[in-house]
Each structure stands twice: as structure tokens, then as C-alpha cells.
PDB file of N, CA and C in Angstrom:
ATOM      1  N   MET A   1      -6.248 -15.564  10.326  1.00  0.00           N
ATOM      2  CA  MET A   1      -5.380 -15.477  11.487  1.00  0.00           C
ATOM      3  C   MET A   1      -3.930 -15.464  11.022  1.00  0.00           C
ATOM      4  N   VAL A   2      -3.156 -14.638  11.662  1.00  0.00           N
ATOM      5  CA  VAL A   2      -1.733 -14.549  11.380  1.00  0.00           C
ATOM      6  C   VAL A   2      -0.980 -15.007  12.619  1.00  0.00           C
ATOM      7  N   THR A   3      -0.061 -15.923  12.430  1.00  0.00           N
ATOM      8  CA  THR A   3       0.772 -16.368  13.549  1.00  0.00           C
ATOM      9  C   THR A   3       2.164 -15.769  13.399  1.00  0.00           C
ATOM     10  N   ARG A   4       2.838 -15.624  14.509  1.00  0.00           N
ATOM     11  CA  ARG A   4       4.199 -15.084  14.487  1.00  0.00           C
ATOM     12  C   ARG A   4       5.130 -16.009  13.711  1.00  0.00           C
ATOM     13  N   GLU A   5       4.913 -17.310  13.826  1.00  0.00           N
ATOM     14  CA  GLU A   5       5.756 -18.282  13.130  1.00  0.00           C
ATOM     15  C   GLU A   5       5.565 -18.168  11.617  1.00  0.00           C
ATOM     16  N   GLU A   6       4.344 -17.929  11.190  1.00  0.00           N
ATOM     17  CA  GLU A   6       4.017 -17.871   9.763  1.00  0.00           C
ATOM     18  C   GLU A   6       4.517 -16.576   9.109  1.00  0.00           C
ATOM     19  N   SER A   7       4.335 -15.459   9.800  1.00  0.00           N
ATOM     20  CA  SER A   7       4.669 -14.162   9.216  1.00  0.00           C
ATOM     21  C   SER A   7       5.037 -13.176  10.324  1.00  0.00           C
ATOM     22  N   PRO A   8       6.278 -13.234  10.813  1.00  0.00           N
ATOM     23  CA  PRO A   8       6.647 -12.404  11.958  1.00  0.00           C
ATOM     24  C   PRO A   8       6.513 -10.901  11.703  1.00  0.00           C
ATOM     25  N   LEU A   9       6.847 -10.444  10.522  1.00  0.00           N
ATOM     26  CA  LEU A   9       6.767  -9.014  10.225  1.00  0.00           C
ATOM     27  C   LEU A   9       5.315  -8.526  10.257  1.00  0.00           C
ATOM     28  N   TYR A  10       4.437  -9.268   9.619  1.00  0.00           N
ATOM     29  CA  TYR A  10       3.022  -8.887   9.595  1.00  0.00           C
ATOM     30  C   TYR A  10       2.406  -9.013  10.995  1.00  0.00           C
ATOM     31  N   TYR A  11       2.789 -10.052  11.710  1.00  0.00           N
ATOM     32  CA  TYR A  11       2.301 -10.247  13.075  1.00  0.00           C
ATOM     33  C   TYR A  11       2.693  -9.058  13.960  1.00  0.00           C
ATOM     34  N   ASP A  12       3.957  -8.645  13.856  1.00  0.00           N
ATOM     35  CA  ASP A  12       4.423  -7.508  14.652  1.00  0.00           C
ATOM     36  C   ASP A  12       3.719  -6.213  14.250  1.00  0.00           C
ATOM     37  N   LEU A  13       3.428  -6.051  12.972  1.00  0.00           N
ATOM     38  CA  LEU A  13       2.694  -4.875  12.509  1.00  0.00           C
ATOM     39  C   LEU A  13       1.307  -4.830  13.153  1.00  0.00           C
ATOM     40  N   ILE A  14       0.608  -5.958  13.159  1.00  0.00           N
ATOM     41  CA  ILE A  14      -0.727  -6.017  13.762  1.00  0.00           C
ATOM     42  C   ILE A  14      -0.639  -5.752  15.266  1.00  0.00           C
ATOM     43  N   ALA A  15       0.351  -6.325  15.923  1.00  0.00           N
ATOM     44  CA  ALA A  15       0.512  -6.121  17.369  1.00  0.00           C
ATOM     45  C   ALA A  15       0.773  -4.650  17.679  1.00  0.00           C
ATOM     46  N   GLU A  16       1.603  -4.005  16.889  1.00  0.00           N
ATOM     47  CA  GLU A  16       1.903  -2.584  17.104  1.00  0.00           C
ATOM     48  C   GLU A  16       0.681  -1.729  16.819  1.00  0.00           C
ATOM     49  N   PHE A  17      -0.065  -2.082  15.769  1.00  0.00           N
ATOM     50  CA  PHE A  17      -1.294  -1.359  15.449  1.00  0.00           C
ATOM     51  C   PHE A  17      -2.278  -1.445  16.617  1.00  0.00           C
ATOM     52  N   GLU A  18      -2.367  -2.616  17.236  1.00  0.00           N
ATOM     53  CA  GLU A  18      -3.244  -2.776  18.398  1.00  0.00           C
ATOM     54  C   GLU A  18      -2.783  -1.897  19.560  1.00  0.00           C
ATOM     55  N   LYS A  19      -1.480  -1.817  19.789  1.00  0.00           N
ATOM     56  CA  LYS A  19      -0.976  -0.962  20.874  1.00  0.00           C
ATOM     57  C   LYS A  19      -1.371   0.502  20.651  1.00  0.00           C
ATOM     58  N   VAL A  20      -1.287   0.949  19.419  1.00  0.00           N
ATOM     59  CA  VAL A  20      -1.554   2.353  19.087  1.00  0.00           C
ATOM     60  C   VAL A  20      -3.045   2.660  19.067  1.00  0.00           C
ATOM     61  N   THR A  21      -3.848   1.743  18.525  1.00  0.00           N
ATOM     62  CA  THR A  21      -5.269   2.029  18.289  1.00  0.00           C
ATOM     63  C   THR A  21      -6.229   1.298  19.212  1.00  0.00           C
ATOM     64  N   GLY A  22      -5.760   0.208  19.829  1.00  0.00           N
ATOM     65  CA  GLY A  22      -6.665  -0.624  20.612  1.00  0.00           C
ATOM     66  C   GLY A  22      -7.436  -1.616  19.750  1.00  0.00           C
ATOM     67  N   VAL A  23      -7.164  -1.634  18.447  1.00  0.00           N
ATOM     68  CA  VAL A  23      -7.851  -2.531  17.507  1.00  0.00           C
ATOM     69  C   VAL A  23      -6.845  -3.573  17.019  1.00  0.00           C
ATOM     70  N   PRO A  24      -7.110  -4.870  17.287  1.00  0.00           N
ATOM     71  CA  PRO A  24      -6.146  -5.900  16.929  1.00  0.00           C
ATOM     72  C   PRO A  24      -6.333  -6.471  15.529  1.00  0.00           C
ATOM     73  N   ILE A  25      -6.831  -5.651  14.612  1.00  0.00           N
ATOM     74  CA  ILE A  25      -7.137  -6.149  13.271  1.00  0.00           C
ATOM     75  C   ILE A  25      -6.604  -5.166  12.231  1.00  0.00           C
ATOM     76  N   VAL A  26      -5.955  -5.705  11.215  1.00  0.00           N
ATOM     77  CA  VAL A  26      -5.568  -4.933  10.046  1.00  0.00           C
ATOM     78  C   VAL A  26      -6.197  -5.645   8.858  1.00  0.00           C
ATOM     79  N   ILE A  27      -6.955  -4.928   8.070  1.00  0.00           N
ATOM     80  CA  ILE A  27      -7.610  -5.539   6.919  1.00  0.00           C
ATOM     81  C   ILE A  27      -6.714  -5.374   5.705  1.00  0.00           C
ATOM     82  N   ASN A  28      -6.368  -6.479   5.107  1.00  0.00           N
ATOM     83  CA  ASN A  28      -5.516  -6.489   3.927  1.00  0.00           C
ATOM     84  C   ASN A  28      -6.423  -6.655   2.708  1.00  0.00           C
ATOM     85  N   THR A  29      -6.579  -5.586   1.945  1.00  0.00           N
ATOM     86  CA  THR A  29      -7.428  -5.643   0.760  1.00  0.00           C
ATOM     87  C   THR A  29      -6.561  -5.653  -0.485  1.00  0.00           C
ATOM     88  N   SER A  30      -7.183  -5.947  -1.621  1.00  0.00           N
ATOM     89  CA  SER A  30      -6.422  -5.858  -2.864  1.00  0.00           C
ATOM     90  C   SER A  30      -6.039  -4.405  -3.087  1.00  0.00           C
ATOM     91  N   PHE A  31      -4.898  -4.199  -3.634  1.00  0.00           N
ATOM     92  CA  PHE A  31      -4.377  -2.849  -3.827  1.00  0.00           C
ATOM     93  C   PHE A  31      -4.472  -2.508  -5.302  1.00  0.00           C
ATOM     94  N   ASN A  32      -5.595  -1.940  -5.663  1.00  0.00           N
ATOM     95  CA  ASN A  32      -5.756  -1.496  -7.033  1.00  0.00           C
ATOM     96  C   ASN A  32      -6.668  -0.277  -7.066  1.00  0.00           C
ATOM     97  N   VAL A  33      -6.618   0.409  -8.165  1.00  0.00           N
ATOM     98  CA  VAL A  33      -7.464   1.568  -8.403  1.00  0.00           C
ATOM     99  C   VAL A  33      -8.483   1.148  -9.448  1.00  0.00           C
ATOM    100  N   ARG A  34      -9.687   1.648  -9.345  1.00  0.00           N
ATOM    101  CA  ARG A  34     -10.758   1.235 -10.244  1.00  0.00           C
ATOM    102  C   ARG A  34     -10.288   1.233 -11.696  1.00  0.00           C
ATOM    103  N   GLY A  35     -10.478   0.109 -12.338  1.00  0.00           N
ATOM    104  CA  GLY A  35     -10.114  -0.048 -13.730  1.00  0.00           C
ATOM    105  C   GLY A  35      -8.723  -0.624 -13.940  1.00  0.00           C
ATOM    106  N   GLU A  36      -7.869  -0.589 -12.931  1.00  0.00           N
ATOM    107  CA  GLU A  36      -6.516  -1.109 -13.070  1.00  0.00           C
ATOM    108  C   GLU A  36      -6.432  -2.521 -12.489  1.00  0.00           C
ATOM    109  N   PRO A  37      -5.499  -3.328 -12.991  1.00  0.00           N
ATOM    110  CA  PRO A  37      -5.298  -4.644 -12.374  1.00  0.00           C
ATOM    111  C   PRO A  37      -4.677  -4.480 -10.988  1.00  0.00           C
ATOM    112  N   ILE A  38      -4.707  -5.540 -10.194  1.00  0.00           N
ATOM    113  CA  ILE A  38      -4.120  -5.525  -8.857  1.00  0.00           C
ATOM    114  C   ILE A  38      -2.616  -5.264  -8.970  1.00  0.00           C
ATOM    115  N   ALA A  39      -2.092  -4.469  -8.059  1.00  0.00           N
ATOM    116  CA  ALA A  39      -0.652  -4.180  -8.031  1.00  0.00           C
ATOM    117  C   ALA A  39       0.096  -5.470  -7.709  1.00  0.00           C
ATOM    118  N   CYS A  40       0.958  -5.894  -8.613  1.00  0.00           N
ATOM    119  CA  CYS A  40       1.676  -7.156  -8.425  1.00  0.00           C
ATOM    120  C   CYS A  40       3.157  -6.979  -8.110  1.00  0.00           C
ATOM    121  N   THR A  41       3.671  -5.780  -8.317  1.00  0.00           N
ATOM    122  CA  THR A  41       5.106  -5.555  -8.085  1.00  0.00           C
ATOM    123  C   THR A  41       5.282  -4.324  -7.205  1.00  0.00           C
ATOM    124  N   PRO A  42       6.429  -4.187  -6.566  1.00  0.00           N
ATOM    125  CA  PRO A  42       6.688  -2.961  -5.815  1.00  0.00           C
ATOM    126  C   PRO A  42       6.585  -1.709  -6.698  1.00  0.00           C
ATOM    127  N   HIS A  43       7.006  -1.807  -7.947  1.00  0.00           N
ATOM    128  CA  HIS A  43       6.910  -0.675  -8.870  1.00  0.00           C
ATOM    129  C   HIS A  43       5.453  -0.278  -9.087  1.00  0.00           C
ATOM    130  N   ASP A  44       4.576  -1.280  -9.330  1.00  0.00           N
ATOM    131  CA  ASP A  44       3.136  -1.005  -9.485  1.00  0.00           C
ATOM    132  C   ASP A  44       2.594  -0.305  -8.237  1.00  0.00           C
ATOM    133  N   ALA A  45       2.952  -0.835  -7.076  1.00  0.00           N
ATOM    134  CA  ALA A  45       2.451  -0.283  -5.820  1.00  0.00           C
ATOM    135  C   ALA A  45       2.922   1.152  -5.632  1.00  0.00           C
ATOM    136  N   TYR A  46       4.182   1.414  -5.937  1.00  0.00           N
ATOM    137  CA  TYR A  46       4.711   2.766  -5.763  1.00  0.00           C
ATOM    138  C   TYR A  46       4.018   3.755  -6.708  1.00  0.00           C
ATOM    139  N   LEU A  47       3.827   3.364  -7.954  1.00  0.00           N
ATOM    140  CA  LEU A  47       3.141   4.253  -8.896  1.00  0.00           C
ATOM    141  C   LEU A  47       1.721   4.569  -8.426  1.00  0.00           C
ATOM    142  N   ARG A  48       0.992   3.558  -7.972  1.00  0.00           N
ATOM    143  CA  ARG A  48      -0.376   3.799  -7.508  1.00  0.00           C
ATOM    144  C   ARG A  48      -0.396   4.678  -6.276  1.00  0.00           C
ATOM    145  N   PHE A  49       0.546   4.451  -5.388  1.00  0.00           N
ATOM    146  CA  PHE A  49       0.684   5.275  -4.194  1.00  0.00           C
ATOM    147  C   PHE A  49       0.897   6.735  -4.575  1.00  0.00           C
ATOM    148  N   MET A  50       1.791   6.969  -5.498  1.00  0.00           N
ATOM    149  CA  MET A  50       2.124   8.338  -5.878  1.00  0.00           C
ATOM    150  C   MET A  50       1.015   9.001  -6.702  1.00  0.00           C
ATOM    151  N   ARG A  51       0.242   8.227  -7.422  1.00  0.00           N
ATOM    152  CA  ARG A  51      -0.794   8.785  -8.297  1.00  0.00           C
ATOM    153  C   ARG A  51      -2.131   9.004  -7.609  1.00  0.00           C
ATOM    154  N   THR A  52      -2.277   8.527  -6.398  1.00  0.00           N
ATOM    155  CA  THR A  52      -3.559   8.627  -5.700  1.00  0.00           C
ATOM    156  C   THR A  52      -3.426   9.491  -4.451  1.00  0.00           C
ATOM    157  N   ASN A  53      -4.495   9.570  -3.684  1.00  0.00           N
ATOM    158  CA  ASN A  53      -4.521  10.403  -2.481  1.00  0.00           C
ATOM    159  C   ASN A  53      -4.044   9.673  -1.227  1.00  0.00           C
ATOM    160  N   MET A  54      -3.349   8.561  -1.392  1.00  0.00           N
ATOM    161  CA  MET A  54      -2.815   7.849  -0.235  1.00  0.00           C
ATOM    162  C   MET A  54      -1.728   8.687   0.424  1.00  0.00           C
ATOM    163  N   ASP A  55      -1.660   8.638   1.739  1.00  0.00           N
ATOM    164  CA  ASP A  55      -0.641   9.384   2.484  1.00  0.00           C
ATOM    165  C   ASP A  55       0.612   8.561   2.736  1.00  0.00           C
ATOM    166  N   GLN A  56       0.415   7.259   2.997  1.00  0.00           N
ATOM    167  CA  GLN A  56       1.542   6.395   3.334  1.00  0.00           C
ATOM    168  C   GLN A  56       1.359   5.038   2.675  1.00  0.00           C
ATOM    169  N   LEU A  57       2.477   4.369   2.464  1.00  0.00           N
ATOM    170  CA  LEU A  57       2.464   3.036   1.876  1.00  0.00           C
ATOM    171  C   LEU A  57       3.444   2.168   2.644  1.00  0.00           C
ATOM    172  N   VAL A  58       2.988   1.007   3.103  1.00  0.00           N
ATOM    173  CA  VAL A  58       3.878   0.017   3.705  1.00  0.00           C
ATOM    174  C   VAL A  58       4.246  -0.953   2.599  1.00  0.00           C
ATOM    175  N   LEU A  59       5.528  -1.043   2.331  1.00  0.00           N
ATOM    176  CA  LEU A  59       6.025  -1.902   1.262  1.00  0.00           C
ATOM    177  C   LEU A  59       7.117  -2.779   1.857  1.00  0.00           C
ATOM    178  N   GLY A  60       6.737  -4.007   2.206  1.00  0.00           N
ATOM    179  CA  GLY A  60       7.677  -4.883   2.903  1.00  0.00           C
ATOM    180  C   GLY A  60       8.007  -4.267   4.251  1.00  0.00           C
ATOM    181  N   PRO A  61       9.282  -4.127   4.579  1.00  0.00           N
ATOM    182  CA  PRO A  61       9.652  -3.540   5.868  1.00  0.00           C
ATOM    183  C   PRO A  61       9.732  -2.009   5.843  1.00  0.00           C
ATOM    184  N   TYR A  62       9.315  -1.394   4.739  1.00  0.00           N
ATOM    185  CA  TYR A  62       9.453   0.053   4.587  1.00  0.00           C
ATOM    186  C   TYR A  62       8.118   0.776   4.726  1.00  0.00           C
ATOM    187  N   LEU A  63       8.160   1.936   5.363  1.00  0.00           N
ATOM    188  CA  LEU A  63       7.001   2.824   5.448  1.00  0.00           C
ATOM    189  C   LEU A  63       7.344   4.071   4.659  1.00  0.00           C
ATOM    190  N   LEU A  64       6.607   4.296   3.583  1.00  0.00           N
ATOM    191  CA  LEU A  64       6.846   5.459   2.730  1.00  0.00           C
ATOM    192  C   LEU A  64       5.805   6.522   3.032  1.00  0.00           C
ATOM    193  N   ASP A  65       6.259   7.734   3.260  1.00  0.00           N
ATOM    194  CA  ASP A  65       5.381   8.872   3.467  1.00  0.00           C
ATOM    195  C   ASP A  65       5.430   9.710   2.197  1.00  0.00           C
ATOM    196  N   LYS A  66       4.265  10.000   1.627  1.00  0.00           N
ATOM    197  CA  LYS A  66       4.236  10.701   0.353  1.00  0.00           C
ATOM    198  C   LYS A  66       4.940  12.051   0.425  1.00  0.00           C
ATOM    199  N   LYS A  67       4.842  12.731   1.565  1.00  0.00           N
ATOM    200  CA  LYS A  67       5.479  14.047   1.700  1.00  0.00           C
ATOM    201  C   LYS A  67       6.994  13.960   1.534  1.00  0.00           C
ATOM    202  N   GLU A  68       7.563  12.787   1.765  1.00  0.00           N
ATOM    203  CA  GLU A  68       9.011  12.618   1.681  1.00  0.00           C
ATOM    204  C   GLU A  68       9.474  12.070   0.330  1.00  0.00           C
ATOM    205  N   GLN A  69       8.532  11.840  -0.597  1.00  0.00           N
ATOM    206  CA  GLN A  69       8.876  11.264  -1.894  1.00  0.00           C
ATOM    207  C   GLN A  69       9.053  12.358  -2.940  1.00  0.00           C
ATOM    208  N   PRO A  70      10.002  12.177  -3.845  1.00  0.00           N
ATOM    209  CA  PRO A  70      10.107  13.140  -4.940  1.00  0.00           C
ATOM    210  C   PRO A  70       8.911  12.963  -5.876  1.00  0.00           C
ATOM    211  N   PRO A  71       8.473  14.027  -6.537  1.00  0.00           N
ATOM    212  CA  PRO A  71       7.350  13.888  -7.460  1.00  0.00           C
ATOM    213  C   PRO A  71       7.718  12.967  -8.621  1.00  0.00           C
ATOM    214  N   LEU A  72       6.714  12.295  -9.174  1.00  0.00           N
ATOM    215  CA  LEU A  72       6.956  11.462 -10.353  1.00  0.00           C
ATOM    216  C   LEU A  72       7.319  12.373 -11.518  1.00  0.00           C
ATOM    217  N   ARG A  73       8.291  11.957 -12.281  1.00  0.00           N
ATOM    218  CA  ARG A  73       8.698  12.723 -13.455  1.00  0.00           C
ATOM    219  C   ARG A  73       8.164  12.051 -14.707  1.00  0.00           C
ATOM    220  N   GLU A  74       7.788  12.861 -15.664  1.00  0.00           N
ATOM    221  CA  GLU A  74       7.313  12.358 -16.951  1.00  0.00           C
ATOM    222  C   GLU A  74       6.209  11.313 -16.777  1.00  0.00           C
ATOM    223  N   ASP A  75       5.323  11.549 -15.839  1.00  0.00           N
ATOM    224  CA  ASP A  75       4.230  10.618 -15.594  1.00  0.00           C
ATOM    225  C   ASP A  75       3.081  10.930 -16.541  1.00  0.00           C
ATOM    226  N   VAL A  76       2.250   9.940 -16.788  1.00  0.00           N
ATOM    227  CA  VAL A  76       1.058  10.110 -17.616  1.00  0.00           C
ATOM    228  C   VAL A  76      -0.155  10.205 -16.713  1.00  0.00           C
ATOM    229  N   ASP A  77      -1.261  10.650 -17.248  1.00  0.00           N
ATOM    230  CA  ASP A  77      -2.515  10.659 -16.496  1.00  0.00           C
ATOM    231  C   ASP A  77      -2.988   9.210 -16.387  1.00  0.00           C
ATOM    232  N   TRP A  78      -2.806   8.612 -15.216  1.00  0.00           N
ATOM    233  CA  TRP A  78      -3.106   7.192 -15.022  1.00  0.00           C
ATOM    234  C   TRP A  78      -4.548   6.853 -15.350  1.00  0.00           C
ATOM    235  N   ARG A  79      -5.456   7.820 -15.282  1.00  0.00           N
ATOM    236  CA  ARG A  79      -6.874   7.541 -15.549  1.00  0.00           C
ATOM    237  C   ARG A  79      -7.128   7.223 -17.016  1.00  0.00           C
ATOM    238  N   THR A  80      -6.152   7.499 -17.889  1.00  0.00           N
ATOM    239  CA  THR A  80      -6.316   7.210 -19.305  1.00  0.00           C
ATOM    240  C   THR A  80      -5.695   5.861 -19.689  1.00  0.00           C
ATOM    241  N   LEU A  81      -5.019   5.213 -18.777  1.00  0.00           N
ATOM    242  CA  LEU A  81      -4.305   3.974 -19.087  1.00  0.00           C
ATOM    243  C   LEU A  81      -5.197   2.739 -19.143  1.00  0.00           C
ATOM    244  N   PHE A  82      -6.257   2.715 -18.333  1.00  0.00           N
ATOM    245  CA  PHE A  82      -7.099   1.535 -18.233  1.00  0.00           C
ATOM    246  C   PHE A  82      -8.559   1.933 -18.382  1.00  0.00           C
ATOM    247  N   GLU A  83      -9.305   1.064 -19.047  1.00  0.00           N
ATOM    248  CA  GLU A  83     -10.732   1.296 -19.218  1.00  0.00           C
ATOM    249  C   GLU A  83     -11.448   1.006 -17.895  1.00  0.00           C
ATOM    250  N   LEU A  84     -12.341   1.917 -17.494  1.00  0.00           N
ATOM    251  CA  LEU A  84     -13.096   1.699 -16.261  1.00  0.00           C
ATOM    252  C   LEU A  84     -14.059   0.538 -16.430  1.00  0.00           C
ATOM    253  N   ASP A  85     -14.278  -0.204 -15.349  1.00  0.00           N
ATOM    254  CA  ASP A  85     -15.215  -1.330 -15.408  1.00  0.00           C
ATOM    255  C   ASP A  85     -16.631  -0.857 -15.215  1.00  0.00           C
TER     256      ASP A  85
END
């Protein structure tokens, strides 16, 4: 359960999601790609967002749309960085 007092930003996000979808639940899962550790920093999250098929990323108070992001420069093939489990 999320209370407004505990986390007003997240509470408002869930409330808005309910208005749009009729579903009052947002599932917060670990944000990682198979074989990689959990994203612990905004930089980790942004790289994973850009390297995968995600369309949008909520990062704190920001909503990033992949179509509006510049392509990663000098990036490596992320699938070679970590051994698959």
C-alpha cells in the first residue's frame, strides 16, 4: 500500500493511472535485463531503457519517451557485457 503521506509522487502516479485505465494498481518490479544486475542508478536505468524495446521510462518526476531521445553514441552490444543466468 502506498499512502500520500509516505510517497506523494508515487501516490499521484497511481491515482492518475487509475483515472486513465480504471485500474488502481501499478506493479513495481525490479528493473533489470536477463543476466544484468538490477539498475541502481539513473544512468543504469537510462542505458537499459535505450538498449531495450521499452517505449517510455519514468525516472523520478520525469517521463522519457524513447522517440524523443538521441541515439546512444559509441555504445557496446549490451548482451556481451553480462553472462546469462
